[in-house]
Amino acid sequence: IVQKTHAENHGTAPIEIPADSAVVEEVVAQGFRIQIFATSSIDEANSAKLTAEGRVGQDEVYVVYDPPVYKVRVGDYVERLEANQRLSKLINQGYPDAWVVADRVIQRKITRIPKE
């Protein structure tokens, strides 16, 4: 609308408005997750993961295989303090045996790329 109005009022070509874009970069780093369930059955682990995804909201839920056990873990926390703060909420959401574990986590960073 702005381009059309500008062209009609001034008799010139429409103004080209540059649009920036953004890229999400993922970096794997040492951090913490919260383990909420462990089992030797992949089916039980996947079921627990689906249930957890409905309960935990925005946090990512992972199934990690550490033979012979499948572990269901929540979150990508860089600092132990973040994980401990989230742990109390997960315990209140029905995971009384949850605990913080050291793990490799995925850090997501949004990078703005200006259009040239």
Protein backbone atom coordinates (compact mmCIF):
# COMPACT_ATOMS: atom_id res chain seq x y z
CA ILE A 1 0.00 0.00 0.00
CA VAL A 2 2.83 2.40 0.87
CA GLN A 3 4.63 1.63 -2.37
CA LYS A 4 1.48 2.05 -4.47
CA THR A 5 0.51 5.33 -2.79
CA HIS A 6 4.04 6.68 -3.13
CA ALA A 7 4.14 5.82 -6.84
CA GLU A 8 0.71 7.40 -7.49
CA ASN A 9 1.48 10.61 -5.57
CA HIS A 10 4.98 11.20 -6.92
CA GLY A 11 4.85 9.51 -10.31
CA THR A 12 7.99 7.50 -9.51
CA ALA A 13 8.81 3.86 -9.11
CA PRO A 14 7.76 2.20 -5.85
CA ILE A 15 10.19 2.36 -2.94
CA GLU A 16 11.99 -0.91 -2.30
CA ILE A 17 11.92 -1.68 1.42
CA PRO A 18 14.76 -4.01 2.42
CA ALA A 19 13.78 -7.03 4.46
CA ASP A 20 16.19 -8.52 6.94
CA SER A 21 16.16 -12.22 7.60
CA ALA A 22 17.09 -14.28 10.62
CA VAL A 23 18.83 -17.59 11.00
CA VAL A 24 18.65 -19.87 14.03
CA GLU A 25 22.07 -21.27 14.84
CA GLU A 26 22.36 -24.38 16.99
CA VAL A 27 25.49 -25.04 19.02
CA VAL A 28 26.08 -28.17 21.10
CA ALA A 29 27.65 -27.40 24.48
CA GLN A 30 28.05 -28.93 27.92
CA GLY A 31 25.09 -28.12 30.11
CA PHE A 32 22.25 -29.70 32.10
CA ARG A 33 18.96 -31.47 31.57
CA ILE A 34 16.36 -32.83 33.95
CA GLN A 35 15.83 -36.58 33.89
CA ILE A 36 12.19 -37.45 34.55
CA PHE A 37 11.98 -41.14 33.61
CA ALA A 38 14.14 -44.19 32.87
CA THR A 39 13.19 -47.60 31.47
CA SER A 40 14.57 -50.51 29.47
CA SER A 41 11.62 -50.30 27.03
CA ILE A 42 11.75 -47.94 24.05
CA ASP A 43 7.94 -47.98 23.89
CA GLU A 44 7.62 -46.84 27.51
CA ALA A 45 10.24 -44.15 26.93
CA ASN A 46 8.44 -42.80 23.85
CA SER A 47 5.12 -42.85 25.70
CA ALA A 48 6.66 -40.95 28.62
CA LYS A 49 8.14 -38.45 26.16
CA LEU A 50 4.74 -37.77 24.56
CA THR A 51 3.14 -37.32 27.98
CA ALA A 52 5.94 -34.98 29.09
CA GLU A 53 5.67 -32.87 25.93
CA GLY A 54 2.06 -32.16 26.87
CA ARG A 55 2.97 -31.21 30.43
CA VAL A 56 6.23 -29.28 30.25
CA GLY A 57 5.25 -26.64 27.71
CA GLN A 58 8.07 -24.90 25.91
CA ASP A 59 10.99 -27.11 26.99
CA GLU A 60 12.32 -29.73 24.58
CA VAL A 61 11.95 -33.38 25.64
CA TYR A 62 14.54 -35.97 24.62
CA VAL A 63 14.92 -39.74 24.80
CA VAL A 64 18.57 -40.65 25.41
CA TYR A 65 19.72 -44.26 25.04
CA ASP A 66 22.46 -45.24 27.49
CA PRO A 67 22.56 -49.07 27.16
CA PRO A 68 20.55 -50.78 28.47
CA VAL A 69 18.38 -47.85 29.65
CA TYR A 70 16.27 -45.27 27.79
CA LYS A 71 16.19 -41.98 29.68
CA VAL A 72 13.63 -39.23 29.19
CA ARG A 73 15.16 -35.81 29.77
CA VAL A 74 13.81 -32.27 29.63
CA GLY A 75 15.41 -28.98 28.64
CA ASP A 76 18.63 -27.45 27.40
CA TYR A 77 20.03 -25.51 30.35
CA VAL A 78 23.46 -23.92 30.19
CA GLU A 79 23.59 -23.18 33.92
CA ARG A 80 22.79 -25.58 36.75
CA LEU A 81 20.83 -22.78 38.44
CA GLU A 82 18.38 -22.66 35.51
CA ALA A 83 17.91 -26.43 35.70
CA ASN A 84 17.37 -26.36 39.47
CA GLN A 85 14.73 -23.63 39.14
CA ARG A 86 12.88 -25.67 36.50
CA LEU A 87 13.29 -28.87 38.55
CA SER A 88 10.97 -27.65 41.32
CA LYS A 89 8.27 -26.88 38.74
CA LEU A 90 8.60 -30.35 37.17
CA ILE A 91 8.32 -32.00 40.58
CA ASN A 92 5.07 -30.07 41.13
CA GLN A 93 3.85 -31.18 37.68
CA GLY A 94 3.96 -34.85 38.66
CA TYR A 95 7.61 -35.88 38.35
CA PRO A 96 8.66 -36.37 42.01
CA ASP A 97 11.73 -38.46 41.09
CA ALA A 98 13.12 -35.90 38.61
CA TRP A 99 16.73 -34.82 39.02
CA VAL A 100 19.31 -32.62 37.27
CA VAL A 101 21.97 -34.36 35.17
CA ALA A 102 24.95 -33.08 33.23
CA ASP A 103 24.45 -33.57 29.49
CA ARG A 104 25.31 -32.14 26.10
CA VAL A 105 22.70 -29.49 25.30
CA ILE A 106 21.63 -27.53 22.25
CA GLN A 107 21.92 -23.76 22.50
CA ARG A 108 19.83 -21.84 19.98
CA LYS A 109 20.84 -18.33 18.96
CA ILE A 110 18.99 -16.10 16.48
CA THR A 111 21.30 -14.21 14.16
CA ARG A 112 19.98 -11.28 12.10
CA ILE A 113 21.23 -11.14 8.53
CA PRO A 114 20.73 -7.72 6.94
CA LYS A 115 19.64 -7.70 3.32
CA GLU A 116 22.13 -5.97 1.08
